C-alpha atoms as a PDB file:
ATOM      1  CA  MET A   1      11.873  -4.000 -15.162  1.00  0.00           C
ATOM      2  CA  ILE A   2      11.375  -1.629 -12.263  1.00  0.00           C
ATOM      3  CA  TYR A   3       8.450  -2.088  -9.869  1.00  0.00           C
ATOM      4  CA  VAL A   4       8.130  -0.140  -6.631  1.00  0.00           C
ATOM      5  CA  SER A   5       6.467  -2.077  -3.804  1.00  0.00           C
ATOM      6  CA  LEU A   6       4.823   0.080  -1.131  1.00  0.00           C
ATOM      7  CA  THR A   7       3.451  -0.470   2.342  1.00  0.00           C
ATOM      8  CA  GLN A   8      -0.028   0.851   3.100  1.00  0.00           C
ATOM      9  CA  THR A   9       1.482   3.785   5.032  1.00  0.00           C
ATOM     10  CA  GLN A  10       3.710   4.732   2.092  1.00  0.00           C
ATOM     11  CA  ARG A  11       0.773   4.348  -0.277  1.00  0.00           C
ATOM     12  CA  ASP A  12      -1.338   6.736   1.825  1.00  0.00           C
ATOM     13  CA  GLU A  13       1.484   9.301   2.023  1.00  0.00           C
ATOM     14  CA  LEU A  14       1.971   9.271  -1.735  1.00  0.00           C
ATOM     15  CA  THR A  15      -1.774   9.493  -2.362  1.00  0.00           C
ATOM     16  CA  ASN A  16      -1.985  12.582  -0.133  1.00  0.00           C
ATOM     17  CA  LEU A  17       1.041  14.082  -1.882  1.00  0.00           C
ATOM     18  CA  SER A  18      -0.440  13.452  -5.329  1.00  0.00           C
ATOM     19  CA  HIS A  19      -3.630  15.245  -4.234  1.00  0.00           C
ATOM     20  CA  GLN A  20      -2.064  18.181  -2.398  1.00  0.00           C
ATOM     21  CA  ALA A  21       1.314  18.860  -4.016  1.00  0.00           C
ATOM     22  CA  ILE A  22       1.680  21.268  -6.891  1.00  0.00           C
ATOM     23  CA  GLY A  23       2.814  20.485 -10.449  1.00  0.00           C
ATOM     24  CA  ARG A  24       5.722  18.130 -10.993  1.00  0.00           C
ATOM     25  CA  VAL A  25       5.857  16.743  -7.443  1.00  0.00           C
ATOM     26  CA  ALA A  26       2.262  15.463  -7.673  1.00  0.00           C
ATOM     27  CA  LEU A  27       3.035  13.811 -11.023  1.00  0.00           C
ATOM     28  CA  ARG A  28       6.102  12.090  -9.573  1.00  0.00           C
ATOM     29  CA  ALA A  29       4.066  10.725  -6.657  1.00  0.00           C
ATOM     30  CA  HIS A  30       1.528   9.426  -9.174  1.00  0.00           C
ATOM     31  CA  MET A  31       4.322   7.661 -11.101  1.00  0.00           C
ATOM     32  CA  VAL A  32       5.333   5.758  -7.949  1.00  0.00           C
ATOM     33  CA  LEU A  33       1.713   4.834  -7.199  1.00  0.00           C
ATOM     34  CA  LEU A  34       1.247   3.524 -10.736  1.00  0.00           C
ATOM     35  CA  SER A  35       4.398   1.408 -10.386  1.00  0.00           C
ATOM     36  CA  ASP A  36       3.051  -0.017  -7.112  1.00  0.00           C
ATOM     37  CA  ARG A  37      -0.161  -0.949  -8.967  1.00  0.00           C
ATOM     38  CA  GLY A  38       1.826  -2.995 -11.508  1.00  0.00           C
ATOM     39  CA  PHE A  39       2.190  -0.511 -14.376  1.00  0.00           C
ATOM     40  CA  THR A  40       5.447  -0.860 -16.320  1.00  0.00           C
ATOM     41  CA  VAL A  41       7.860   2.005 -16.990  1.00  0.00           C
ATOM     42  CA  PRO A  42       6.784   2.312 -20.672  1.00  0.00           C
ATOM     43  CA  GLN A  43       3.120   2.428 -19.639  1.00  0.00           C
ATOM     44  CA  ILE A  44       3.778   5.150 -17.037  1.00  0.00           C
ATOM     45  CA  ALA A  45       5.784   7.130 -19.595  1.00  0.00           C
ATOM     46  CA  VAL A  46       2.832   7.041 -22.024  1.00  0.00           C
ATOM     47  CA  ILE A  47       0.367   8.091 -19.308  1.00  0.00           C
ATOM     48  CA  HIS A  48       2.476  11.118 -18.308  1.00  0.00           C
ATOM     49  CA  ALA A  49       3.738  11.904 -21.840  1.00  0.00           C
ATOM     50  CA  CYS A  50       7.380  11.797 -20.776  1.00  0.00           C
ATOM     51  CA  GLY A  51      10.483   9.740 -21.461  1.00  0.00           C
ATOM     52  CA  GLN A  52      11.058   6.335 -19.892  1.00  0.00           C
ATOM     53  CA  ASP A  53      14.339   7.613 -18.453  1.00  0.00           C
ATOM     54  CA  VAL A  54      12.397  10.290 -16.587  1.00  0.00           C
ATOM     55  CA  VAL A  55      10.140   7.666 -15.011  1.00  0.00           C
ATOM     56  CA  ARG A  56      13.109   5.483 -14.020  1.00  0.00           C
ATOM     57  CA  THR A  57      14.873   8.496 -12.491  1.00  0.00           C
ATOM     58  CA  TRP A  58      12.014   9.294 -10.132  1.00  0.00           C
ATOM     59  CA  LEU A  59      11.316   5.655  -9.237  1.00  0.00           C
ATOM     60  CA  HIS A  60      14.983   5.197  -8.308  1.00  0.00           C
ATOM     61  CA  ARG A  61      14.976   8.507  -6.402  1.00  0.00           C
ATOM     62  CA  TYR A  62      11.962   7.362  -4.362  1.00  0.00           C
ATOM     63  CA  GLU A  63      13.541   3.970  -3.582  1.00  0.00           C
ATOM     64  CA  ARG A  64      16.724   5.710  -2.369  1.00  0.00           C
ATOM     65  CA  GLU A  65      15.340   8.764  -0.547  1.00  0.00           C
ATOM     66  CA  GLY A  66      11.666   8.108   0.051  1.00  0.00           C
ATOM     67  CA  ILE A  67       9.026  10.791  -0.359  1.00  0.00           C
ATOM     68  CA  THR A  68      11.530  13.646   0.034  1.00  0.00           C
ATOM     69  CA  GLY A  69      13.332  12.392  -3.078  1.00  0.00           C
ATOM     70  CA  LEU A  70      10.372  13.504  -5.188  1.00  0.00           C
ATOM     71  CA  GLU A  71      10.975  17.164  -4.369  1.00  0.00           C
ATOM     72  CA  ASP A  72      12.983  19.434  -6.649  1.00  0.00           C
ATOM     73  CA  GLU A  73      16.597  19.811  -5.666  1.00  0.00           C
ATOM     74  CA  PRO A  74      17.695  23.272  -4.441  1.00  0.00           C
ATOM     75  CA  ARG A  75      18.239  25.744  -7.254  1.00  0.00           C
ATOM     76  CA  SER A  76      20.368  28.821  -7.461  1.00  0.00           C
ATOM     77  CA  GLY A  77      18.662  32.110  -6.654  1.00  0.00           C
ATOM     78  CA  ARG A  78      18.787  35.116  -4.395  1.00  0.00           C
ATOM     79  CA  PRO A  79      19.798  33.947  -0.898  1.00  0.00           C
ATOM     80  CA  LEU A  80      17.746  34.897   2.161  1.00  0.00           C
ATOM     81  CA  LYS A  81      18.859  37.996   3.995  1.00  0.00           C
ATOM     82  CA  ASP A  82      19.093  36.045   7.244  1.00  0.00           C
ATOM     83  CA  PRO A  83      21.118  32.802   6.867  1.00  0.00           C
ATOM     84  CA  LEU A  84      19.608  31.530  10.146  1.00  0.00           C
ATOM     85  CA  ALA A  85      16.050  31.827   8.848  1.00  0.00           C
ATOM     86  CA  GLY A  86      15.875  28.139   7.885  1.00  0.00           C
ATOM     87  CA  PRO A  87      17.024  26.753  11.252  1.00  0.00           C
ATOM     88  CA  ILE A  88      14.735  29.193  13.092  1.00  0.00           C
ATOM     89  CA  VAL A  89      11.686  28.164  11.044  1.00  0.00           C
ATOM     90  CA  ASP A  90      12.533  24.474  11.477  1.00  0.00           C
ATOM     91  CA  ALA A  91      13.045  24.785  15.241  1.00  0.00           C
ATOM     92  CA  GLN A  92       9.840  26.729  15.786  1.00  0.00           C
ATOM     93  CA  ALA A  93       7.752  24.398  13.620  1.00  0.00           C
ATOM     94  CA  SER A  94       9.015  21.500  15.739  1.00  0.00           C
ATOM     95  CA  GLN A  95       7.205  22.952  18.765  1.00  0.00           C
ATOM     96  CA  SER A  96       3.417  22.993  18.838  1.00  0.00           C
ATOM     97  CA  PRO A  97       1.692  26.417  18.911  1.00  0.00           C
ATOM     98  CA  PRO A  98       0.374  25.960  22.508  1.00  0.00           C
ATOM     99  CA  CYS A  99       4.034  25.905  23.668  1.00  0.00           C
ATOM    100  CA  SER A 100       4.250  29.519  22.459  1.00  0.00           C
ATOM    101  CA  GLY A 101       0.968  30.616  24.008  1.00  0.00           C
ATOM    102  CA  HIS A 102      -1.336  30.065  21.036  1.00  0.00           C
ATOM    103  CA  VAL A 103      -4.717  28.373  21.128  1.00  0.00           C
ATOM    104  CA  GLN A 104      -4.188  26.754  17.728  1.00  0.00           C
ATOM    105  CA  THR A 105      -3.159  23.108  17.794  1.00  0.00           C
ATOM    106  CA  CYS A 106      -0.962  23.175  14.657  1.00  0.00           C
ATOM    107  CA  TRP A 107       1.014  25.708  12.657  1.00  0.00           C
ATOM    108  CA  THR A 108      -0.076  27.245   9.390  1.00  0.00           C
ATOM    109  CA  ALA A 109       2.248  29.269   7.172  1.00  0.00           C
ATOM    110  CA  CYS A 110       0.374  32.476   8.035  1.00  0.00           C
ATOM    111  CA  LEU A 111       0.421  31.801  11.783  1.00  0.00           C
ATOM    112  CA  LEU A 112       4.117  30.941  11.711  1.00  0.00           C
ATOM    113  CA  THR A 113       4.868  34.060   9.647  1.00  0.00           C
ATOM    114  CA  ALA A 114       3.119  36.318  12.148  1.00  0.00           C
ATOM    115  CA  PHE A 115       4.718  34.620  15.160  1.00  0.00           C
ATOM    116  CA  LEU A 116       8.276  34.844  13.781  1.00  0.00           C
ATOM    117  CA  ALA A 117       7.803  38.520  12.989  1.00  0.00           C
ATOM    118  CA  ALA A 118       6.466  39.291  16.479  1.00  0.00           C
ATOM    119  CA  ARG A 119       8.836  37.116  18.530  1.00  0.00           C
ATOM    120  CA  PHE A 120      12.105  37.145  16.534  1.00  0.00           C
ATOM    121  CA  HIS A 121      11.626  40.183  14.276  1.00  0.00           C
ATOM    122  CA  LEU A 122      12.174  37.790  11.391  1.00  0.00           C
ATOM    123  CA  PHE A 123      10.101  39.228   8.558  1.00  0.00           C
ATOM    124  CA  LEU A 124       9.421  36.639   5.876  1.00  0.00           C
ATOM    125  CA  SER A 125       6.588  36.107   3.415  1.00  0.00           C
ATOM    126  CA  CYS A 126       4.256  33.130   3.657  1.00  0.00           C
ATOM    127  CA  SER A 127       5.754  31.708   0.460  1.00  0.00           C
ATOM    128  CA  SER A 128       9.253  31.936   1.974  1.00  0.00           C
ATOM    129  CA  ILE A 129       8.020  30.127   5.082  1.00  0.00           C
ATOM    130  CA  ARG A 130       6.572  27.340   2.925  1.00  0.00           C
ATOM    131  CA  ARG A 131       9.779  27.050   0.946  1.00  0.00           C
ATOM    132  CA  LEU A 132      11.901  26.857   4.092  1.00  0.00           C
ATOM    133  CA  LEU A 133       9.605  24.243   5.599  1.00  0.00           C
ATOM    134  CA  HIS A 134       9.895  22.068   2.473  1.00  0.00           C
ATOM    135  CA  GLN A 135      13.660  22.460   2.459  1.00  0.00           C
ATOM    136  CA  THR A 136      13.893  21.206   6.043  1.00  0.00           C
ATOM    137  CA  GLY A 137      11.715  18.151   5.413  1.00  0.00           C
ATOM    138  CA  TRP A 138       8.263  19.425   6.373  1.00  0.00           C
ATOM    139  CA  ARG A 139       5.202  18.702   4.227  1.00  0.00           C
ATOM    140  CA  TRP A 140       1.529  19.634   4.429  1.00  0.00           C
ATOM    141  CA  ALA A 141      -0.418  16.404   4.967  1.00  0.00           C
ATOM    142  CA  ARG A 142      -3.396  15.136   6.871  1.00  0.00           C
ATOM    143  CA  PRO A 143      -2.624  13.028   9.983  1.00  0.00           C
ATOM    144  CA  ARG A 144      -4.142   9.600  10.401  1.00  0.00           C
ATOM    145  CA  LEU A 145      -5.756   8.139  13.475  1.00  0.00           C
ATOM    146  CA  ALA A 146      -3.677   5.209  14.697  1.00  0.00           C
ATOM    147  CA  PRO A 147      -5.809   2.672  16.591  1.00  0.00           C
ATOM    148  CA  ALA A 148      -4.051   1.034  19.492  1.00  0.00           C
ATOM    149  CA  ARG A 149      -3.167  -2.582  18.832  1.00  0.00           C
ATOM    150  CA  LYS A 150      -1.360  -5.150  20.881  1.00  0.00           C
ATOM    151  CA  PRO A 151       1.938  -6.432  19.519  1.00  0.00           C
ATOM    152  CA  ASP A 152       2.179 -10.130  18.759  1.00  0.00           C
ATOM    153  CA  PRO A 153       4.646 -11.629  21.289  1.00  0.00           C
ATOM    154  CA  ALA A 154       5.382 -14.433  18.816  1.00  0.00           C
ATOM    155  CA  ALA A 155       6.071 -12.082  15.882  1.00  0.00           C
ATOM    156  CA  GLU A 156       9.828 -12.710  15.826  1.00  0.00           C
ATOM    157  CA  THR A 157       9.360 -16.480  15.860  1.00  0.00           C
ATOM    158  CA  LYS A 158       6.792 -16.325  13.051  1.00  0.00           C
ATOM    159  CA  LEU A 159       8.949 -14.062  10.894  1.00  0.00           C
ATOM    160  CA  ALA A 160      11.964 -16.285  11.489  1.00  0.00           C
ATOM    161  CA  ALA A 161       9.985 -19.322  10.271  1.00  0.00           C
ATOM    162  CA  LEU A 162       8.865 -17.374   7.207  1.00  0.00           C
ATOM    163  CA  ALA A 163      12.457 -16.299   6.491  1.00  0.00           C
ATOM    164  CA  ALA A 164      13.626 -19.915   6.751  1.00  0.00           C
ATOM    165  CA  ALA A 165      10.968 -21.004   4.252  1.00  0.00           C
ATOM    166  CA  GLN A 166      11.997 -18.187   1.921  1.00  0.00           C
ATOM    167  CA  ARG A 167      15.594 -19.410   2.008  1.00  0.00           C
ATOM    168  CA  GLU A 168      14.505 -22.955   1.224  1.00  0.00           C
ATOM    169  CA  VAL A 169      12.416 -21.792  -1.715  1.00  0.00           C
ATOM    170  CA  ARG A 170      15.214 -19.544  -2.921  1.00  0.00           C
ATOM    171  CA  GLN A 171      17.471 -22.605  -3.146  1.00  0.00           C
ATOM    172  CA  GLY A 172      14.861 -24.574  -5.078  1.00  0.00           C
ATOM    173  CA  ARG A 173      13.602 -26.703  -2.209  1.00  0.00           C
ATOM    174  CA  GLY A 174       9.830 -26.420  -2.081  1.00  0.00           C
ATOM    175  CA  HIS A 175       7.238 -23.754  -2.848  1.00  0.00           C
ATOM    176  CA  LEU A 176       6.008 -20.728  -0.904  1.00  0.00           C
ATOM    177  CA  LEU A 177       2.530 -19.270  -1.381  1.00  0.00           C
ATOM    178  CA  TYR A 178       0.863 -16.372   0.412  1.00  0.00           C
ATOM    179  CA  LEU A 179      -2.840 -16.891   1.155  1.00  0.00           C
ATOM    180  CA  ASP A 180      -5.664 -14.574   2.104  1.00  0.00           C
ATOM    181  CA  GLU A 181      -9.423 -14.064   1.742  1.00  0.00           C
ATOM    182  CA  SER A 182     -11.438 -11.024   0.819  1.00  0.00           C
ATOM    183  CA  GLU A 183     -15.044 -10.063   0.208  1.00  0.00           C
ATOM    184  CA  LEU A 184     -16.375  -8.196  -2.797  1.00  0.00           C
ATOM    185  CA  HIS A 185     -19.398  -6.076  -1.886  1.00  0.00           C
ATOM    186  CA  LEU A 186     -22.140  -4.860  -4.182  1.00  0.00           C
ATOM    187  CA  LEU A 187     -21.926  -1.537  -2.314  1.00  0.00           C
ATOM    188  CA  PRO A 188     -19.501   0.489  -4.463  1.00  0.00           C
ATOM    189  CA  LEU A 189     -16.043   1.486  -3.265  1.00  0.00           C
ATOM    190  CA  ILE A 190     -15.320   5.212  -3.451  1.00  0.00           C
ATOM    191  CA  ARG A 191     -11.959   6.139  -4.971  1.00  0.00           C
ATOM    192  CA  ALA A 192     -10.492   9.412  -6.221  1.00  0.00           C
ATOM    193  CA  MET A 193     -11.283   9.993  -9.898  1.00  0.00           C
ATOM    194  CA  TRP A 194     -11.321  12.676 -12.563  1.00  0.00           C
ATOM    195  CA  MET A 195     -14.650  14.474 -12.746  1.00  0.00           C
ATOM    196  CA  LYS A 196     -15.996  17.619 -14.358  1.00  0.00           C
ATOM    197  CA  GLY A 197     -18.820  19.830 -13.191  1.00  0.00           C
ATOM    198  CA  PRO A 198     -20.794  18.928 -10.049  1.00  0.00           C
ATOM    199  CA  ARG A 199     -19.375  16.271  -7.755  1.00  0.00           C
ATOM    200  CA  ARG A 200     -20.280  12.887  -9.139  1.00  0.00           C
ATOM    201  CA  ARG A 201     -22.704  10.778  -7.108  1.00  0.00           C
ATOM    202  CA  VAL A 202     -22.484   6.978  -7.103  1.00  0.00           C
ATOM    203  CA  PRO A 203     -25.774   5.189  -6.370  1.00  0.00           C
ATOM    204  CA  THR A 204     -25.983   2.542  -3.656  1.00  0.00           C
ATOM    205  CA  PRO A 205     -27.744  -0.821  -4.049  1.00  0.00           C
ATOM    206  CA  GLY A 206     -30.193  -0.423  -1.170  1.00  0.00           C
ATOM    207  CA  ILE A 207     -29.463  -3.973   0.008  1.00  0.00           C
ATOM    208  CA  ASN A 208     -25.827  -4.968   0.037  1.00  0.00           C
ATOM    209  CA  ARG A 209     -24.646  -8.378  -1.150  1.00  0.00           C
ATOM    210  CA  ARG A 210     -21.191  -9.904  -1.046  1.00  0.00           C
ATOM    211  CA  ARG A 211     -19.012 -12.653  -2.515  1.00  0.00           C
ATOM    212  CA  ALA A 212     -16.077 -14.306  -0.760  1.00  0.00           C
ATOM    213  CA  PHE A 213     -12.766 -14.887  -2.565  1.00  0.00           C
ATOM    214  CA  PHE A 214      -9.875 -17.139  -1.531  1.00  0.00           C
ATOM    215  CA  GLY A 215      -6.543 -16.253  -3.156  1.00  0.00           C
ATOM    216  CA  ALA A 216      -2.964 -17.563  -3.183  1.00  0.00           C
ATOM    217  CA  LEU A 217       0.143 -15.979  -4.708  1.00  0.00           C
ATOM    218  CA  ASP A 218       3.265 -17.975  -5.600  1.00  0.00           C
ATOM    219  CA  ALA A 219       6.180 -16.014  -4.161  1.00  0.00           C
ATOM    220  CA  VAL A 220       8.600 -17.080  -6.922  1.00  0.00           C
ATOM    221  CA  THR A 221       6.582 -17.325 -10.131  1.00  0.00           C
ATOM    222  CA  GLY A 222       3.914 -14.766  -9.246  1.00  0.00           C
ATOM    223  CA  CYS A 223       1.250 -17.255 -10.320  1.00  0.00           C
ATOM    224  CA  TRP A 224      -2.192 -16.423  -8.909  1.00  0.00           C
ATOM    225  CA  PHE A 225      -4.793 -18.979  -7.742  1.00  0.00           C
ATOM    226  CA  PHE A 226      -8.311 -18.101  -6.633  1.00  0.00           C
ATOM    227  CA  VAL A 227     -11.781 -19.466  -5.987  1.00  0.00           C
ATOM    228  CA  ASP A 228     -14.958 -17.727  -4.882  1.00  0.00           C
ATOM    229  CA  HIS A 229     -17.868 -18.834  -2.698  1.00  0.00           C
ATOM    230  CA  ASP A 230     -20.947 -17.369  -1.068  1.00  0.00           C
ATOM    231  CA  ARG A 231     -19.212 -17.375   2.322  1.00  0.00           C
ATOM    232  CA  LYS A 232     -15.761 -17.740   3.880  1.00  0.00           C
ATOM    233  CA  LEU A 233     -16.133 -21.109   5.593  1.00  0.00           C
ATOM    234  CA  ALA A 234     -13.492 -23.566   6.753  1.00  0.00           C
ATOM    235  CA  VAL A 235     -14.794 -26.234   4.352  1.00  0.00           C
ATOM    236  CA  HIS A 236     -14.276 -23.820   1.467  1.00  0.00           C
ATOM    237  CA  PHE A 237     -10.755 -23.129   2.700  1.00  0.00           C
ATOM    238  CA  VAL A 238      -9.998 -26.858   2.846  1.00  0.00           C
ATOM    239  CA  ALA A 239     -11.221 -27.250  -0.728  1.00  0.00           C
ATOM    240  CA  PHE A 240      -8.874 -24.443  -1.738  1.00  0.00           C
ATOM    241  CA  LEU A 241      -5.981 -26.148   0.068  1.00  0.00           C
ATOM    242  CA  GLN A 242      -6.754 -29.350  -1.792  1.00  0.00           C
ATOM    243  CA  ARG A 243      -6.579 -27.492  -5.093  1.00  0.00           C
ATOM    244  CA  LEU A 244      -3.195 -26.000  -4.182  1.00  0.00           C
ATOM    245  CA  SER A 245      -1.804 -29.391  -3.149  1.00  0.00           C
ATOM    246  CA  VAL A 246      -2.807 -30.774  -6.549  1.00  0.00           C
ATOM    247  CA  ALA A 247      -1.123 -27.845  -8.295  1.00  0.00           C
ATOM    248  CA  TYR A 248       2.098 -28.523  -6.314  1.00  0.00           C
ATOM    249  CA  PRO A 249       2.281 -32.323  -6.011  1.00  0.00           C
ATOM    250  CA  THR A 250       6.012 -32.546  -5.241  1.00  0.00           C
ATOM    251  CA  GLY A 251       8.236 -30.966  -2.618  1.00  0.00           C
ATOM    252  CA  PRO A 252       7.348 -29.097   0.575  1.00  0.00           C
ATOM    253  CA  LEU A 253       4.538 -26.573   0.223  1.00  0.00           C
ATOM    254  CA  TYR A 254       4.749 -23.576   2.589  1.00  0.00           C
ATOM    255  CA  LEU A 255       1.599 -21.476   2.960  1.00  0.00           C
ATOM    256  CA  ALA A 256       1.917 -18.081   4.695  1.00  0.00           C
ATOM    257  CA  LEU A 257      -1.339 -16.692   6.064  1.00  0.00           C
ATOM    258  CA  ASP A 258      -3.017 -15.136   9.083  1.00  0.00           C
ATOM    259  CA  GLN A 259      -4.778 -16.966  11.887  1.00  0.00           C
ATOM    260  CA  ALA A 260      -8.341 -16.319  10.786  1.00  0.00           C
ATOM    261  CA  PRO A 261     -10.954 -18.703  12.257  1.00  0.00           C
ATOM    262  CA  ALA A 262     -11.353 -20.486   8.915  1.00  0.00           C
ATOM    263  CA  HIS A 263      -7.602 -21.261   8.936  1.00  0.00           C
ATOM    264  CA  THR A 264      -7.482 -22.799  12.410  1.00  0.00           C
ATOM    265  CA  ALA A 265     -10.678 -24.875  12.339  1.00  0.00           C
ATOM    266  CA  LYS A 266     -10.616 -28.561  13.254  1.00  0.00           C
ATOM    267  CA  VAL A 267     -11.434 -29.599   9.689  1.00  0.00           C
ATOM    268  CA  VAL A 268      -8.314 -27.742   8.520  1.00  0.00           C
ATOM    269  CA  GLN A 269      -6.159 -29.429  11.162  1.00  0.00           C
ATOM    270  CA  ALA A 270      -7.473 -32.816  10.080  1.00  0.00           C
ATOM    271  CA  TRP A 271      -6.653 -32.077   6.443  1.00  0.00           C
ATOM    272  CA  LEU A 272      -3.120 -30.968   7.358  1.00  0.00           C
ATOM    273  CA  LYS A 273      -2.482 -34.253   9.207  1.00  0.00           C
ATOM    274  CA  ALA A 274      -3.376 -36.113   6.027  1.00  0.00           C
ATOM    275  CA  HIS A 275      -1.055 -33.890   3.952  1.00  0.00           C
ATOM    276  CA  PRO A 276       2.258 -33.608   5.853  1.00  0.00           C
ATOM    277  CA  GLN A 277       3.995 -31.972   2.874  1.00  0.00           C
ATOM    278  CA  VAL A 278       1.931 -28.813   3.528  1.00  0.00           C
ATOM    279  CA  THR A 279       3.116 -26.440   6.274  1.00  0.00           C
ATOM    280  CA  LEU A 280       1.181 -23.391   7.434  1.00  0.00           C
ATOM    281  CA  LEU A 281       3.298 -20.373   8.411  1.00  0.00           C
ATOM    282  CA  TRP A 282       1.419 -17.894  10.572  1.00  0.00           C
ATOM    283  CA  LEU A 283       1.976 -14.208   9.908  1.00  0.00           C
ATOM    284  CA  PRO A 284       2.182 -11.811  12.905  1.00  0.00           C
ATOM    285  CA  LYS A 285      -1.148 -10.888  14.432  1.00  0.00           C
ATOM    286  CA  TYR A 286      -2.560  -7.382  13.872  1.00  0.00           C
ATOM    287  CA  ALA A 287       0.018  -6.766  11.127  1.00  0.00           C
ATOM    288  CA  ALA A 288      -0.465  -9.611   8.655  1.00  0.00           C
ATOM    289  CA  HIS A 289      -1.392  -7.129   5.900  1.00  0.00           C
ATOM    290  CA  GLU A 290       2.099  -5.637   6.159  1.00  0.00           C
ATOM    291  CA  PHE A 291       3.705  -8.977   5.278  1.00  0.00           C
ATOM    292  CA  ASN A 292       1.123 -10.450   2.910  1.00  0.00           C
ATOM    293  CA  PRO A 293       1.442  -9.362  -0.758  1.00  0.00           C
ATOM    294  CA  VAL A 294      -2.004 -10.798  -1.497  1.00  0.00           C
ATOM    295  CA  GLU A 295      -3.450  -7.627   0.033  1.00  0.00           C
ATOM    296  CA  ARG A 296      -2.073  -5.764  -2.989  1.00  0.00           C
ATOM    297  CA  ILE A 297      -3.901  -8.122  -5.367  1.00  0.00           C
ATOM    298  CA  TRP A 298      -7.190  -7.499  -3.585  1.00  0.00           C
ATOM    299  CA  GLY A 299      -6.647  -3.749  -3.841  1.00  0.00           C
ATOM    300  CA  LEU A 300      -5.912  -3.926  -7.562  1.00  0.00           C
ATOM    301  CA  MET A 301      -9.004  -6.037  -8.188  1.00  0.00           C
ATOM    302  CA  LYS A 302     -11.381  -3.842  -6.203  1.00  0.00           C
ATOM    303  CA  SER A 303     -10.067  -0.643  -7.770  1.00  0.00           C
ATOM    304  CA  ALA A 304     -10.467  -2.166 -11.230  1.00  0.00           C
ATOM    305  CA  VAL A 305     -13.954  -3.668 -11.002  1.00  0.00           C
ATOM    306  CA  ALA A 306     -15.772  -2.154  -8.017  1.00  0.00           C
ATOM    307  CA  ALA A 307     -14.618   1.456  -7.615  1.00  0.00           C
ATOM    308  CA  ASP A 308     -17.011   4.365  -8.195  1.00  0.00           C
ATOM    309  CA  ARG A 309     -19.732   2.350  -9.890  1.00  0.00           C
ATOM    310  CA  LEU A 310     -22.774   0.270  -8.956  1.00  0.00           C
ATOM    311  CA  ALA A 311     -22.818  -3.081 -10.730  1.00  0.00           C
ATOM    312  CA  GLY A 312     -26.126  -4.496 -11.874  1.00  0.00           C
ATOM    313  CA  SER A 313     -25.839  -7.472  -9.521  1.00  0.00           C
ATOM    314  CA  ILE A 314     -23.339  -9.321  -7.355  1.00  0.00           C
ATOM    315  CA  GLU A 315     -23.176 -11.968 -10.111  1.00  0.00           C
ATOM    316  CA  GLU A 316     -22.108  -9.336 -12.647  1.00  0.00           C
ATOM    317  CA  LEU A 317     -19.526  -7.961 -10.214  1.00  0.00           C
ATOM    318  CA  THR A 318     -18.181 -11.462  -9.491  1.00  0.00           C
ATOM    319  CA  ALA A 319     -17.859 -12.173 -13.216  1.00  0.00           C
ATOM    320  CA  ALA A 320     -15.858  -8.947 -13.640  1.00  0.00           C
ATOM    321  CA  ALA A 321     -13.535  -9.974 -10.792  1.00  0.00           C
ATOM    322  CA  ARG A 322     -12.998 -13.390 -12.379  1.00  0.00           C
ATOM    323  CA  ARG A 323     -12.087 -11.753 -15.697  1.00  0.00           C
ATOM    324  CA  PHE A 324      -9.657  -9.458 -13.905  1.00  0.00           C
ATOM    325  CA  PHE A 325      -7.917 -12.382 -12.206  1.00  0.00           C
ATOM    326  CA  SER A 326      -7.784 -14.348 -15.478  1.00  0.00           C
ATOM    327  CA  ASP A 327      -5.919 -11.465 -17.133  1.00  0.00           C
ATOM    328  CA  LEU A 328      -3.710 -10.688 -14.129  1.00  0.00           C
ATOM    329  CA  ALA A 329      -0.005 -10.532 -14.912  1.00  0.00           C
ATOM    330  CA  PRO A 330       2.396 -12.486 -12.663  1.00  0.00           C
ATOM    331  CA  HIS A 331       3.318 -10.687  -9.444  1.00  0.00           C
ATOM    332  CA  PRO A 332       6.517 -12.307  -8.085  1.00  0.00           C
ATOM    333  CA  VAL A 333       7.446 -11.464  -4.503  1.00  0.00           C
ATOM    334  CA  LYS A 334      10.916 -10.172  -3.652  1.00  0.00           C
ATOM    335  CA  LEU A 335      12.630 -12.829  -1.561  1.00  0.00           C
ATOM    336  CA  PRO A 336      15.893 -12.316   0.359  1.00  0.00           C
ATOM    337  CA  ASN A 337      19.014 -14.063  -0.854  1.00  0.00           C
ATOM    338  CA  ALA A 338      19.678 -17.364   0.826  1.00  0.00           C
ATOM    339  CA  ALA A 339      22.149 -17.129   3.711  1.00  0.00           C
END
């Protein structure tokens, strides 16, 4: 069974492509996003009314070539009059408009068309410019603000410890679980959706309420454990650890998680001393979401039960989340082969 696993950056790029691309390319991006959300190849084929081999082709193409692999391959047709048109367009697009005396901060197809005609006497249509840009790897997408964050100086050490635990688990010595917490808010999440007529409006609750969830994902079996509480307190985390230790009574138990305050509290340290078979593996700071597959589970849950609707109460929303987790299919994590 083929499942594509995406980082948040890849997920955002594909979402933008599915919204902005035309025709088949947008559908292919949507296929990859559905696979990332846990849909099987047969399910995706039914959704898009196509063959399963078509779905597998584009999933494999994306895994090999990334987002450019979703584009149509070059087809035969009338060649451009100027064989250097492509390199010229690519070179000029690589320089910002202010470098050429423009006030605009970024190129558009129309601006680039006019500039190439005036500067190089290269007369092309806007559609030809767009085609040449796509052929040379350019795409029309919205940039993202990247907040500055400090790198974790201990990142390599933490990742090395995680890799060692993965090797142990791969060889059948112990268990590895990824842990995380999340909050479910009564205030609805806004997600893209199909709508007809005027833009749909989602009411807000007036006063927001929330529910805290603790979750753990078995890296090998994909088994999911969770509890929920009114708040994310260290005592609640210890109770969750106790439940996991009962579920895995034999062998070393490795728990990969971030260094949230509830994870480093004194009551947690005391519990760990009494349970030496349990080892906490810290994920790199400021980037734990990139290494923690539990983030994907939270996203699936929130999209399923909390997106684009106002629940009657936080109790109703919590009950829906519990039902979602009860029906959740196993989500095994890809582990490297043991060295």
